C-alpha atoms as a PDB file:
ATOM      1  CA  MET A   1      -6.385  26.114  68.695  1.00  0.00           C
ATOM      2  CA  HIS A   2      -3.494  25.281  65.890  1.00  0.00           C
ATOM      3  CA  PRO A   3      -0.586  24.756  67.640  1.00  0.00           C
ATOM      4  CA  THR A   4       2.401  27.665  67.902  1.00  0.00           C
ATOM      5  CA  LEU A   5       4.922  26.325  65.131  1.00  0.00           C
ATOM      6  CA  ASN A   6       8.474  27.665  67.147  1.00  0.00           C
ATOM      7  CA  ARG A   7      11.255  28.887  64.766  1.00  0.00           C
ATOM      8  CA  ARG A   8      13.261  25.360  64.202  1.00  0.00           C
ATOM      9  CA  THR A   9       9.586  23.918  62.859  1.00  0.00           C
ATOM     10  CA  TRP A  10       9.368  26.534  60.725  1.00  0.00           C
ATOM     11  CA  LEU A  11      12.766  26.278  59.312  1.00  0.00           C
ATOM     12  CA  SER A  12      12.702  22.702  59.374  1.00  0.00           C
ATOM     13  CA  GLN A  13       9.306  22.533  56.989  1.00  0.00           C
ATOM     14  CA  GLY A  14      10.399  25.209  54.891  1.00  0.00           C
ATOM     15  CA  LEU A  15      13.217  23.345  53.897  1.00  0.00           C
ATOM     16  CA  ALA A  16      11.561  20.356  53.214  1.00  0.00           C
ATOM     17  CA  ALA A  17       9.597  22.349  50.589  1.00  0.00           C
ATOM     18  CA  CYS A  18      12.335  24.012  49.054  1.00  0.00           C
ATOM     19  CA  ALA A  19      13.995  20.315  48.752  1.00  0.00           C
ATOM     20  CA  ALA A  20      10.774  18.783  47.332  1.00  0.00           C
ATOM     21  CA  LEU A  21      10.498  21.480  44.919  1.00  0.00           C
ATOM     22  CA  ALA A  22      14.476  21.427  43.677  1.00  0.00           C
ATOM     23  CA  GLY A  23      13.446  18.006  42.932  1.00  0.00           C
ATOM     24  CA  LEU A  24      10.670  18.372  40.916  1.00  0.00           C
ATOM     25  CA  PRO A  25      12.113  18.157  37.219  1.00  0.00           C
ATOM     26  CA  ALA A  26      13.855  15.006  37.978  1.00  0.00           C
ATOM     27  CA  ALA A  27      10.286  14.008  39.473  1.00  0.00           C
ATOM     28  CA  LEU A  28       8.935  14.827  36.342  1.00  0.00           C
ATOM     29  CA  ALA A  29      11.628  12.959  34.268  1.00  0.00           C
ATOM     30  CA  GLN A  30      11.241  10.237  36.355  1.00  0.00           C
ATOM     31  CA  ALA A  31       7.531   9.858  35.296  1.00  0.00           C
ATOM     32  CA  TYR A  32       8.274   8.861  32.085  1.00  0.00           C
ATOM     33  CA  PRO A  33       5.971   6.662  30.672  1.00  0.00           C
ATOM     34  CA  SER A  34       2.975   7.717  31.881  1.00  0.00           C
ATOM     35  CA  LYS A  35       1.095   6.177  29.405  1.00  0.00           C
ATOM     36  CA  PRO A  36       1.113   3.132  26.454  1.00  0.00           C
ATOM     37  CA  ILE A  37       3.764   3.328  23.791  1.00  0.00           C
ATOM     38  CA  ARG A  38       3.535   2.380  20.247  1.00  0.00           C
ATOM     39  CA  LEU A  39       5.715   0.431  17.882  1.00  0.00           C
ATOM     40  CA  ILE A  40       5.087   1.005  14.677  1.00  0.00           C
ATOM     41  CA  VAL A  41       5.828  -1.654  12.045  1.00  0.00           C
ATOM     42  CA  PRO A  42       4.776  -0.863   8.477  1.00  0.00           C
ATOM     43  CA  TYR A  43       4.179  -4.597   7.185  1.00  0.00           C
ATOM     44  CA  ALA A  44       1.872  -6.876   8.293  1.00  0.00           C
ATOM     45  CA  ALA A  45       1.215  -8.851  11.288  1.00  0.00           C
ATOM     46  CA  GLY A  46       3.465 -12.276  11.251  1.00  0.00           C
ATOM     47  CA  GLY A  47       6.138 -11.003   9.080  1.00  0.00           C
ATOM     48  CA  ALA A  48       9.942 -11.670  10.521  1.00  0.00           C
ATOM     49  CA  THR A  49       9.702  -8.179  11.573  1.00  0.00           C
ATOM     50  CA  ASP A  50       6.388  -7.787  13.093  1.00  0.00           C
ATOM     51  CA  MET A  51       7.780 -11.068  15.166  1.00  0.00           C
ATOM     52  CA  VAL A  52      11.177  -8.949  16.598  1.00  0.00           C
ATOM     53  CA  ALA A  53       8.809  -6.001  17.107  1.00  0.00           C
ATOM     54  CA  ARG A  54       6.491  -8.184  19.248  1.00  0.00           C
ATOM     55  CA  SER A  55       9.311  -9.700  21.138  1.00  0.00           C
ATOM     56  CA  ILE A  56      10.697  -6.144  22.052  1.00  0.00           C
ATOM     57  CA  GLY A  57       7.366  -4.932  22.919  1.00  0.00           C
ATOM     58  CA  GLU A  58       6.627  -7.622  25.041  1.00  0.00           C
ATOM     59  CA  LYS A  59       9.637  -7.057  27.388  1.00  0.00           C
ATOM     60  CA  LEU A  60       9.815  -3.288  27.319  1.00  0.00           C
ATOM     61  CA  SER A  61       6.134  -3.053  28.949  1.00  0.00           C
ATOM     62  CA  GLN A  62       7.985  -5.001  31.459  1.00  0.00           C
ATOM     63  CA  ARG A  63      10.690  -2.991  32.056  1.00  0.00           C
ATOM     64  CA  LEU A  64       9.170   0.047  31.571  1.00  0.00           C
ATOM     65  CA  GLY A  65       5.682  -0.555  33.412  1.00  0.00           C
ATOM     66  CA  GLN A  66       3.204   0.603  30.527  1.00  0.00           C
ATOM     67  CA  PRO A  67       1.532  -1.302  27.835  1.00  0.00           C
ATOM     68  CA  VAL A  68       3.640  -1.458  24.429  1.00  0.00           C
ATOM     69  CA  ILE A  69       1.294  -1.619  21.382  1.00  0.00           C
ATOM     70  CA  ILE A  70       2.382  -2.871  18.478  1.00  0.00           C
ATOM     71  CA  GLU A  71       0.915  -0.967  15.976  1.00  0.00           C
ATOM     72  CA  ASN A  72       0.877  -2.504  11.992  1.00  0.00           C
ATOM     73  CA  ARG A  73       0.958  -0.234   9.096  1.00  0.00           C
ATOM     74  CA  PRO A  74       1.200  -2.155   5.816  1.00  0.00           C
ATOM     75  CA  GLY A  75       1.240  -0.516   2.328  1.00  0.00           C
ATOM     76  CA  ALA A  76       3.235   0.959  -0.205  1.00  0.00           C
ATOM     77  CA  GLY A  77       6.066  -1.167   0.660  1.00  0.00           C
ATOM     78  CA  GLY A  78       6.650   0.178   4.067  1.00  0.00           C
ATOM     79  CA  VAL A  79       6.575   3.870   3.280  1.00  0.00           C
ATOM     80  CA  SER A  80       3.090   4.872   4.638  1.00  0.00           C
ATOM     81  CA  GLY A  81       3.579   3.056   8.234  1.00  0.00           C
ATOM     82  CA  THR A  82       7.352   4.600   8.368  1.00  0.00           C
ATOM     83  CA  ASP A  83       5.798   7.988   7.075  1.00  0.00           C
ATOM     84  CA  ALA A  84       3.297   8.147  10.220  1.00  0.00           C
ATOM     85  CA  ALA A  85       5.781   7.019  12.484  1.00  0.00           C
ATOM     86  CA  LEU A  86       8.224   9.757  11.651  1.00  0.00           C
ATOM     87  CA  LYS A  87       6.022  12.454  11.571  1.00  0.00           C
ATOM     88  CA  ALA A  88       4.421  11.188  14.905  1.00  0.00           C
ATOM     89  CA  THR A  89       4.597  13.635  17.905  1.00  0.00           C
ATOM     90  CA  PRO A  90       8.138  13.266  18.957  1.00  0.00           C
ATOM     91  CA  ASP A  91       7.220  12.844  23.071  1.00  0.00           C
ATOM     92  CA  GLY A  92       9.036   9.072  23.235  1.00  0.00           C
ATOM     93  CA  TYR A  93       5.212   7.706  23.265  1.00  0.00           C
ATOM     94  CA  THR A  94       5.709   6.224  19.614  1.00  0.00           C
ATOM     95  CA  PHE A  95       8.823   4.211  17.857  1.00  0.00           C
ATOM     96  CA  LEU A  96       9.481   2.784  14.385  1.00  0.00           C
ATOM     97  CA  VAL A  97      10.709  -1.039  14.117  1.00  0.00           C
ATOM     98  CA  SER A  98      11.282  -1.223  10.560  1.00  0.00           C
ATOM     99  CA  LEU A  99      13.786  -2.834   7.904  1.00  0.00           C
ATOM    100  CA  GLY A 100      16.906  -0.912   6.561  1.00  0.00           C
ATOM    101  CA  THR A 101      15.152  -0.473   3.225  1.00  0.00           C
ATOM    102  CA  THR A 102      12.521   1.808   4.846  1.00  0.00           C
ATOM    103  CA  MET A 103      14.916   3.386   7.233  1.00  0.00           C
ATOM    104  CA  LEU A 104      17.522   3.837   4.785  1.00  0.00           C
ATOM    105  CA  ILE A 105      17.656   2.149   1.227  1.00  0.00           C
ATOM    106  CA  ASN A 106      14.469   4.080   0.144  1.00  0.00           C
ATOM    107  CA  GLN A 107      15.709   7.670  -0.045  1.00  0.00           C
ATOM    108  CA  TYR A 108      17.563   6.314  -3.015  1.00  0.00           C
ATOM    109  CA  LEU A 109      14.234   4.235  -4.515  1.00  0.00           C
ATOM    110  CA  TYR A 110      12.405   7.195  -4.207  1.00  0.00           C
ATOM    111  CA  ALA A 111      11.968  10.407  -6.678  1.00  0.00           C
ATOM    112  CA  LYS A 112       9.958  11.611  -3.934  1.00  0.00           C
ATOM    113  CA  LEU A 113       9.644  10.235  -0.703  1.00  0.00           C
ATOM    114  CA  PRO A 114       7.653  11.756   2.266  1.00  0.00           C
ATOM    115  CA  TYR A 115       9.912  11.475   4.582  1.00  0.00           C
ATOM    116  CA  GLN A 116      13.958  11.977   5.072  1.00  0.00           C
ATOM    117  CA  PRO A 117      15.668   9.194   6.655  1.00  0.00           C
ATOM    118  CA  LEU A 118      18.726  11.044   7.957  1.00  0.00           C
ATOM    119  CA  ARG A 119      16.537  14.294   8.852  1.00  0.00           C
ATOM    120  CA  ASP A 120      13.070  12.576  10.222  1.00  0.00           C
ATOM    121  CA  GLN A 121      14.430   9.845  12.483  1.00  0.00           C
ATOM    122  CA  ALA A 122      16.580   9.370  15.603  1.00  0.00           C
ATOM    123  CA  LEU A 123      18.232   6.192  15.893  1.00  0.00           C
ATOM    124  CA  ILE A 124      18.218   4.217  18.527  1.00  0.00           C
ATOM    125  CA  SER A 125      19.270   0.539  18.032  1.00  0.00           C
ATOM    126  CA  GLN A 126      20.056  -1.705  15.120  1.00  0.00           C
ATOM    127  CA  ILE A 127      18.108  -5.142  16.721  1.00  0.00           C
ATOM    128  CA  ALA A 128      19.330  -7.808  14.322  1.00  0.00           C
ATOM    129  CA  LEU A 129      20.786  -8.214  11.054  1.00  0.00           C
ATOM    130  CA  ALA A 130      19.005  -9.884   8.774  1.00  0.00           C
ATOM    131  CA  PRO A 131      21.465 -11.749   5.563  1.00  0.00           C
ATOM    132  CA  VAL A 132      19.419 -13.852   3.263  1.00  0.00           C
ATOM    133  CA  ALA A 133      20.176 -17.017   1.286  1.00  0.00           C
ATOM    134  CA  LEU A 134      21.295 -17.681  -2.214  1.00  0.00           C
ATOM    135  CA  LEU A 135      19.115 -20.554  -3.360  1.00  0.00           C
ATOM    136  CA  VAL A 136      18.620 -21.983  -7.010  1.00  0.00           C
ATOM    137  CA  HIS A 137      16.694 -24.903  -8.460  1.00  0.00           C
ATOM    138  CA  PRO A 138      17.780 -28.225  -7.814  1.00  0.00           C
ATOM    139  CA  SER A 139      18.004 -28.587 -11.485  1.00  0.00           C
ATOM    140  CA  ILE A 140      21.168 -25.824 -11.793  1.00  0.00           C
ATOM    141  CA  PRO A 141      24.035 -27.978 -11.745  1.00  0.00           C
ATOM    142  CA  VAL A 142      25.723 -26.077  -9.217  1.00  0.00           C
ATOM    143  CA  SER A 143      27.046 -26.526  -5.385  1.00  0.00           C
ATOM    144  CA  ASN A 144      28.140 -23.067  -4.522  1.00  0.00           C
ATOM    145  CA  ALA A 145      28.172 -19.338  -5.236  1.00  0.00           C
ATOM    146  CA  ASN A 146      31.241 -19.379  -7.784  1.00  0.00           C
ATOM    147  CA  GLU A 147      30.245 -22.814  -9.484  1.00  0.00           C
ATOM    148  CA  LEU A 148      26.540 -20.659  -9.672  1.00  0.00           C
ATOM    149  CA  PHE A 149      28.496 -17.781 -11.256  1.00  0.00           C
ATOM    150  CA  GLN A 150      30.084 -20.002 -13.677  1.00  0.00           C
ATOM    151  CA  TYR A 151      27.342 -21.514 -14.994  1.00  0.00           C
ATOM    152  CA  MET A 152      25.640 -18.359 -15.373  1.00  0.00           C
ATOM    153  CA  ASP A 153      28.610 -16.803 -17.614  1.00  0.00           C
ATOM    154  CA  ARG A 154      28.046 -20.267 -19.686  1.00  0.00           C
ATOM    155  CA  SER A 155      24.289 -19.327 -19.550  1.00  0.00           C
ATOM    156  CA  GLN A 156      23.948 -15.953 -21.240  1.00  0.00           C
ATOM    157  CA  GLY A 157      20.594 -14.681 -21.797  1.00  0.00           C
ATOM    158  CA  LYS A 158      18.795 -17.976 -20.635  1.00  0.00           C
ATOM    159  CA  LEU A 159      18.113 -17.833 -16.571  1.00  0.00           C
ATOM    160  CA  SER A 160      15.921 -16.038 -14.857  1.00  0.00           C
ATOM    161  CA  TYR A 161      16.209 -14.796 -11.174  1.00  0.00           C
ATOM    162  CA  GLY A 162      12.975 -13.952  -8.807  1.00  0.00           C
ATOM    163  CA  SER A 163      12.843 -11.184  -6.058  1.00  0.00           C
ATOM    164  CA  TRP A 164       9.998 -10.103  -3.897  1.00  0.00           C
ATOM    165  CA  GLY A 165       9.694  -6.682  -5.082  1.00  0.00           C
ATOM    166  CA  THR A 166      11.173  -4.144  -6.853  1.00  0.00           C
ATOM    167  CA  GLY A 167      14.126  -2.415  -4.684  1.00  0.00           C
ATOM    168  CA  SER A 168      14.117  -5.101  -2.517  1.00  0.00           C
ATOM    169  CA  TYR A 169      17.697  -6.501  -1.677  1.00  0.00           C
ATOM    170  CA  SER A 170      16.374 -10.079  -3.468  1.00  0.00           C
ATOM    171  CA  HIS A 171      16.080  -7.189  -6.987  1.00  0.00           C
ATOM    172  CA  LEU A 172      19.143  -5.574  -5.793  1.00  0.00           C
ATOM    173  CA  ALA A 173      21.995  -8.361  -5.652  1.00  0.00           C
ATOM    174  CA  CYS A 174      20.485 -10.013  -8.517  1.00  0.00           C
ATOM    175  CA  ALA A 175      20.320  -6.531 -10.609  1.00  0.00           C
ATOM    176  CA  TYR A 176      24.200  -6.246  -9.448  1.00  0.00           C
ATOM    177  CA  LEU A 177      24.594  -9.880 -10.616  1.00  0.00           C
ATOM    178  CA  ASN A 178      23.685  -8.887 -13.699  1.00  0.00           C
ATOM    179  CA  HIS A 179      25.752  -5.665 -14.598  1.00  0.00           C
ATOM    180  CA  SER A 180      28.804  -6.852 -13.202  1.00  0.00           C
ATOM    181  CA  ARG A 181      28.982 -10.461 -14.953  1.00  0.00           C
ATOM    182  CA  LYS A 182      26.948  -9.251 -18.171  1.00  0.00           C
ATOM    183  CA  VAL A 183      24.833 -12.443 -18.131  1.00  0.00           C
ATOM    184  CA  ASP A 184      21.407 -10.444 -19.260  1.00  0.00           C
ATOM    185  CA  MET A 185      19.142 -12.421 -16.639  1.00  0.00           C
ATOM    186  CA  VAL A 186      15.150 -12.019 -16.808  1.00  0.00           C
ATOM    187  CA  HIS A 187      13.724 -10.247 -13.494  1.00  0.00           C
ATOM    188  CA  ALA A 188      10.461 -11.614 -11.971  1.00  0.00           C
ATOM    189  CA  ALA A 189       9.178  -9.482  -9.161  1.00  0.00           C
ATOM    190  CA  TYR A 190       6.557 -11.113  -7.180  1.00  0.00           C
ATOM    191  CA  LYS A 191       3.977  -9.720  -4.654  1.00  0.00           C
ATOM    192  CA  GLY A 192       6.020 -11.086  -1.411  1.00  0.00           C
ATOM    193  CA  GLU A 193       8.362 -13.790  -0.722  1.00  0.00           C
ATOM    194  CA  ALA A 194       5.634 -16.746  -0.782  1.00  0.00           C
ATOM    195  CA  ALA A 195       5.137 -16.582  -4.119  1.00  0.00           C
ATOM    196  CA  MET A 196       8.342 -16.243  -5.255  1.00  0.00           C
ATOM    197  CA  MET A 197       9.472 -19.606  -3.061  1.00  0.00           C
ATOM    198  CA  GLN A 198       6.358 -21.233  -4.932  1.00  0.00           C
ATOM    199  CA  ASP A 199       8.023 -20.128  -8.505  1.00  0.00           C
ATOM    200  CA  LEU A 200      11.696 -21.211  -7.462  1.00  0.00           C
ATOM    201  CA  ALA A 201      10.581 -24.368  -6.150  1.00  0.00           C
ATOM    202  CA  GLY A 202       8.957 -24.970  -9.555  1.00  0.00           C
ATOM    203  CA  GLY A 203      11.718 -24.064 -11.777  1.00  0.00           C
ATOM    204  CA  GLN A 204       9.233 -21.177 -12.997  1.00  0.00           C
ATOM    205  CA  VAL A 205      12.642 -18.861 -12.309  1.00  0.00           C
ATOM    206  CA  GLN A 206      16.012 -20.735 -11.360  1.00  0.00           C
ATOM    207  CA  LEU A 207      17.693 -18.433  -8.597  1.00  0.00           C
ATOM    208  CA  ALA A 208      16.935 -16.003  -5.886  1.00  0.00           C
ATOM    209  CA  PHE A 209      17.569 -14.592  -2.423  1.00  0.00           C
ATOM    210  CA  ALA A 210      15.282 -15.308  -0.174  1.00  0.00           C
ATOM    211  CA  SER A 211      14.841 -15.128   3.778  1.00  0.00           C
ATOM    212  CA  LEU A 212      15.513 -17.607   5.437  1.00  0.00           C
ATOM    213  CA  GLN A 213      11.921 -17.896   7.316  1.00  0.00           C
ATOM    214  CA  ALA A 214      10.635 -18.222   3.767  1.00  0.00           C
ATOM    215  CA  ALA A 215      13.124 -20.532   2.499  1.00  0.00           C
ATOM    216  CA  LYS A 216      14.037 -23.288   4.967  1.00  0.00           C
ATOM    217  CA  PRO A 217      10.909 -25.154   4.312  1.00  0.00           C
ATOM    218  CA  PHE A 218      11.787 -25.839   0.841  1.00  0.00           C
ATOM    219  CA  ILE A 219      15.452 -25.775   1.865  1.00  0.00           C
ATOM    220  CA  ASP A 220      14.479 -28.558   4.161  1.00  0.00           C
ATOM    221  CA  SER A 221      12.484 -30.684   1.720  1.00  0.00           C
ATOM    222  CA  GLY A 222      15.199 -30.439  -1.270  1.00  0.00           C
ATOM    223  CA  ARG A 223      12.553 -28.269  -3.289  1.00  0.00           C
ATOM    224  CA  VAL A 224      15.475 -25.999  -3.456  1.00  0.00           C
ATOM    225  CA  LYS A 225      19.163 -25.589  -3.018  1.00  0.00           C
ATOM    226  CA  VAL A 226      20.937 -23.382  -0.829  1.00  0.00           C
ATOM    227  CA  LEU A 227      24.188 -21.945  -2.001  1.00  0.00           C
ATOM    228  CA  ALA A 228      25.761 -19.280   0.196  1.00  0.00           C
ATOM    229  CA  VAL A 229      24.465 -16.638   2.734  1.00  0.00           C
ATOM    230  CA  THR A 230      24.990 -12.399   2.785  1.00  0.00           C
ATOM    231  CA  GLY A 231      27.002 -11.187   5.351  1.00  0.00           C
ATOM    232  CA  GLU A 232      30.370 -12.174   7.606  1.00  0.00           C
ATOM    233  CA  GLN A 233      28.976 -14.761   9.710  1.00  0.00           C
ATOM    234  CA  ARG A 234      27.158 -17.816   9.235  1.00  0.00           C
ATOM    235  CA  MET A 235      23.235 -18.564   9.928  1.00  0.00           C
ATOM    236  CA  ALA A 236      22.715 -20.652  13.560  1.00  0.00           C
ATOM    237  CA  MET A 237      20.362 -22.315  11.294  1.00  0.00           C
ATOM    238  CA  LEU A 238      22.400 -22.837   8.397  1.00  0.00           C
ATOM    239  CA  PRO A 239      25.877 -23.523  10.360  1.00  0.00           C
ATOM    240  CA  LYS A 240      26.867 -25.732   7.499  1.00  0.00           C
ATOM    241  CA  VAL A 241      26.503 -23.068   4.426  1.00  0.00           C
ATOM    242  CA  ALA A 242      29.235 -20.827   4.012  1.00  0.00           C
ATOM    243  CA  THR A 243      29.192 -16.750   3.515  1.00  0.00           C
ATOM    244  CA  MET A 244      29.782 -15.414   0.224  1.00  0.00           C
ATOM    245  CA  GLY A 245      32.540 -14.005   1.650  1.00  0.00           C
ATOM    246  CA  GLU A 246      33.695 -17.590   2.676  1.00  0.00           C
ATOM    247  CA  GLN A 247      33.941 -18.793  -0.901  1.00  0.00           C
ATOM    248  CA  GLY A 248      35.917 -15.655  -1.717  1.00  0.00           C
ATOM    249  CA  ILE A 249      33.214 -13.425  -2.918  1.00  0.00           C
ATOM    250  CA  LYS A 250      34.115  -9.823  -1.615  1.00  0.00           C
ATOM    251  CA  ASP A 251      31.773  -7.633  -3.616  1.00  0.00           C
ATOM    252  CA  GLU A 252      30.060  -4.626  -1.044  1.00  0.00           C
ATOM    253  CA  ILE A 253      27.100  -5.870  -1.433  1.00  0.00           C
ATOM    254  CA  PHE A 254      26.869  -9.565  -0.362  1.00  0.00           C
ATOM    255  CA  ARG A 255      28.761  -8.531   2.812  1.00  0.00           C
ATOM    256  CA  ILE A 256      26.636  -6.095   4.129  1.00  0.00           C
ATOM    257  CA  THR A 257      22.781  -7.191   5.068  1.00  0.00           C
ATOM    258  CA  GLY A 258      19.661  -5.716   5.263  1.00  0.00           C
ATOM    259  CA  TRP A 259      18.690  -5.266   9.090  1.00  0.00           C
ATOM    260  CA  VAL A 260      16.012  -4.772  11.342  1.00  0.00           C
ATOM    261  CA  GLY A 261      16.154  -1.473  13.222  1.00  0.00           C
ATOM    262  CA  MET A 262      14.433   0.814  15.683  1.00  0.00           C
ATOM    263  CA  SER A 263      14.092   4.535  15.653  1.00  0.00           C
ATOM    264  CA  ALA A 264      11.757   7.289  16.713  1.00  0.00           C
ATOM    265  CA  PRO A 265      10.928  10.801  15.194  1.00  0.00           C
ATOM    266  CA  ALA A 266      13.770  13.513  15.470  1.00  0.00           C
ATOM    267  CA  ARG A 267      13.246  15.866  18.206  1.00  0.00           C
ATOM    268  CA  THR A 268      12.602  13.038  20.789  1.00  0.00           C
ATOM    269  CA  PRO A 269      13.867  14.171  23.970  1.00  0.00           C
ATOM    270  CA  SER A 270      17.437  12.849  24.297  1.00  0.00           C
ATOM    271  CA  ASP A 271      16.744  11.732  27.988  1.00  0.00           C
ATOM    272  CA  ILE A 272      13.749   9.449  26.927  1.00  0.00           C
ATOM    273  CA  MET A 273      15.790   8.351  23.780  1.00  0.00           C
ATOM    274  CA  THR A 274      18.731   7.749  26.208  1.00  0.00           C
ATOM    275  CA  ARG A 275      16.429   5.639  28.408  1.00  0.00           C
ATOM    276  CA  VAL A 276      14.885   4.002  25.466  1.00  0.00           C
ATOM    277  CA  ALA A 277      18.281   2.768  23.523  1.00  0.00           C
ATOM    278  CA  SER A 278      19.776   1.238  26.971  1.00  0.00           C
ATOM    279  CA  GLU A 279      16.470  -0.755  28.054  1.00  0.00           C
ATOM    280  CA  VAL A 280      15.970  -2.282  24.269  1.00  0.00           C
ATOM    281  CA  ARG A 281      20.148  -3.096  24.177  1.00  0.00           C
ATOM    282  CA  ALA A 282      19.187  -4.954  27.538  1.00  0.00           C
ATOM    283  CA  ILE A 283      16.477  -6.748  26.264  1.00  0.00           C
ATOM    284  CA  ILE A 284      18.401  -7.922  23.115  1.00  0.00           C
ATOM    285  CA  ALA A 285      20.878  -8.883  25.601  1.00  0.00           C
ATOM    286  CA  GLN A 286      18.608 -11.462  27.010  1.00  0.00           C
ATOM    287  CA  SER A 287      18.823 -15.172  26.226  1.00  0.00           C
ATOM    288  CA  GLU A 288      15.257 -15.878  25.311  1.00  0.00           C
ATOM    289  CA  ILE A 289      15.622 -12.641  22.744  1.00  0.00           C
ATOM    290  CA  GLN A 290      18.630 -14.119  21.390  1.00  0.00           C
ATOM    291  CA  GLN A 291      17.079 -16.782  20.599  1.00  0.00           C
ATOM    292  CA  ARG A 292      13.893 -16.052  19.610  1.00  0.00           C
ATOM    293  CA  ILE A 293      16.217 -14.047  16.627  1.00  0.00           C
ATOM    294  CA  SER A 294      17.761 -16.361  15.570  1.00  0.00           C
ATOM    295  CA  SER A 295      14.938 -18.798  15.440  1.00  0.00           C
ATOM    296  CA  ILE A 296      13.770 -16.398  12.601  1.00  0.00           C
ATOM    297  CA  GLY A 297      16.931 -16.342  10.792  1.00  0.00           C
ATOM    298  CA  PHE A 298      18.212 -12.976  11.675  1.00  0.00           C
ATOM    299  CA  LEU A 299      21.517 -12.290  13.997  1.00  0.00           C
ATOM    300  CA  PRO A 300      20.898 -10.432  16.961  1.00  0.00           C
ATOM    301  CA  VAL A 301      22.493  -7.083  17.598  1.00  0.00           C
ATOM    302  CA  GLY A 302      21.402  -4.452  19.683  1.00  0.00           C
ATOM    303  CA  ASN A 303      24.053  -1.551  19.432  1.00  0.00           C
ATOM    304  CA  THR A 304      23.723   2.082  20.511  1.00  0.00           C
ATOM    305  CA  PRO A 305      22.552   5.177  18.694  1.00  0.00           C
ATOM    306  CA  GLU A 306      26.405   5.934  18.195  1.00  0.00           C
ATOM    307  CA  GLN A 307      27.251   2.747  16.686  1.00  0.00           C
ATOM    308  CA  PHE A 308      23.651   2.355  14.824  1.00  0.00           C
ATOM    309  CA  ALA A 309      24.520   5.586  13.165  1.00  0.00           C
ATOM    310  CA  GLU A 310      28.338   4.227  12.271  1.00  0.00           C
ATOM    311  CA  VAL A 311      26.234   1.565  10.543  1.00  0.00           C
ATOM    312  CA  PHE A 312      24.389   4.031   8.407  1.00  0.00           C
ATOM    313  CA  ARG A 313      27.601   5.982   7.630  1.00  0.00           C
ATOM    314  CA  LYS A 314      28.800   2.970   5.923  1.00  0.00           C
ATOM    315  CA  ASP A 315      25.951   1.424   4.280  1.00  0.00           C
ATOM    316  CA  ALA A 316      24.430   4.641   2.692  1.00  0.00           C
ATOM    317  CA  PRO A 317      27.054   4.845  -0.146  1.00  0.00           C
ATOM    318  CA  ILE A 318      26.890   0.937  -0.812  1.00  0.00           C
ATOM    319  CA  TRP A 319      23.320   1.036  -1.346  1.00  0.00           C
ATOM    320  CA  GLU A 320      22.838   4.316  -3.072  1.00  0.00           C
ATOM    321  CA  ARG A 321      25.209   2.546  -5.851  1.00  0.00           C
ATOM    322  CA  ILE A 322      23.492  -0.767  -5.949  1.00  0.00           C
ATOM    323  CA  VAL A 323      20.412   1.072  -6.793  1.00  0.00           C
ATOM    324  CA  ASP A 324      22.190   3.428  -9.416  1.00  0.00           C
ATOM    325  CA  ILE A 325      23.624   0.088 -10.914  1.00  0.00           C
ATOM    326  CA  SER A 326      20.255  -1.371 -10.856  1.00  0.00           C
ATOM    327  CA  GLY A 327      18.513   1.525 -12.476  1.00  0.00           C
ATOM    328  CA  ALA A 328      15.444  -0.043  -9.831  1.00  0.00           C
ATOM    329  CA  LYS A 329      13.394   3.525  -9.414  1.00  0.00           C
ATOM    330  CA  LEU A 330       9.847   3.766  -7.422  1.00  0.00           C
ATOM    331  CA  ASP A 331       6.772   6.529  -7.501  1.00  0.00           C
END
């Protein structure tokens, strides 16, 4: 026989059941994540952006208790992978880790972009700044950016500059110099920084902007000469090299930098966005991650979604203007 439930027992069990039901939505929210998470990197494995994504992914997996899979989807200058990430189901299981080029600048470069940065993505955090170094071949008799500009003025139509691709920062920055100083330089576009650096070291081009990851071996060996870095602060790996701003060059394009950021498809649930954004900021604050990011030649940031949105707001008109000046257009 089943024991008879007295009134007090029945009430206590009923109240417990109601409490459990009332707490059900909260329990469901706490269940995230319940399966592996993808970080889509729209570039090949082994590059600087991929290295940052793997560092973040490793720590994020530990904190969330689920595998974080890095999915490299290179192609079309990062457009195809970015599009795939932003068109994924907005359920909190797919995120994008990419450069400002695909997340912001491409909207001004492409006549037809398959995604719209402001419409299709929800910003999570600006992970790191990606300043670049202004480099010249050792045969150019200059030691800083101002001396280079004076040399350029005296060398009308005689200089060429390299870039790691049309529409890249290396192209836009030199195109801006070409326009503002009217020096008639020739643009040599390469498929990646490795080929560009080889030709700069060989003297086939005389100047270029390059990432520290690509440039450091050439700087250390004396095969190229570094004159300045972009952005508002010096690079940890080039502490003696002054910024363009410190050298009195106030043009906006040399004071802002590229960056690595993280976003999600638009309409990703806000509670998930808040959780992931908080975890990412905590990860970037760790000394181990700060050192990893700095060793690549980047400057760790780790800001809030609101602060990241403010970066977008400030940088967008500058990049739009620079792209217009360069005349760069991509299909």
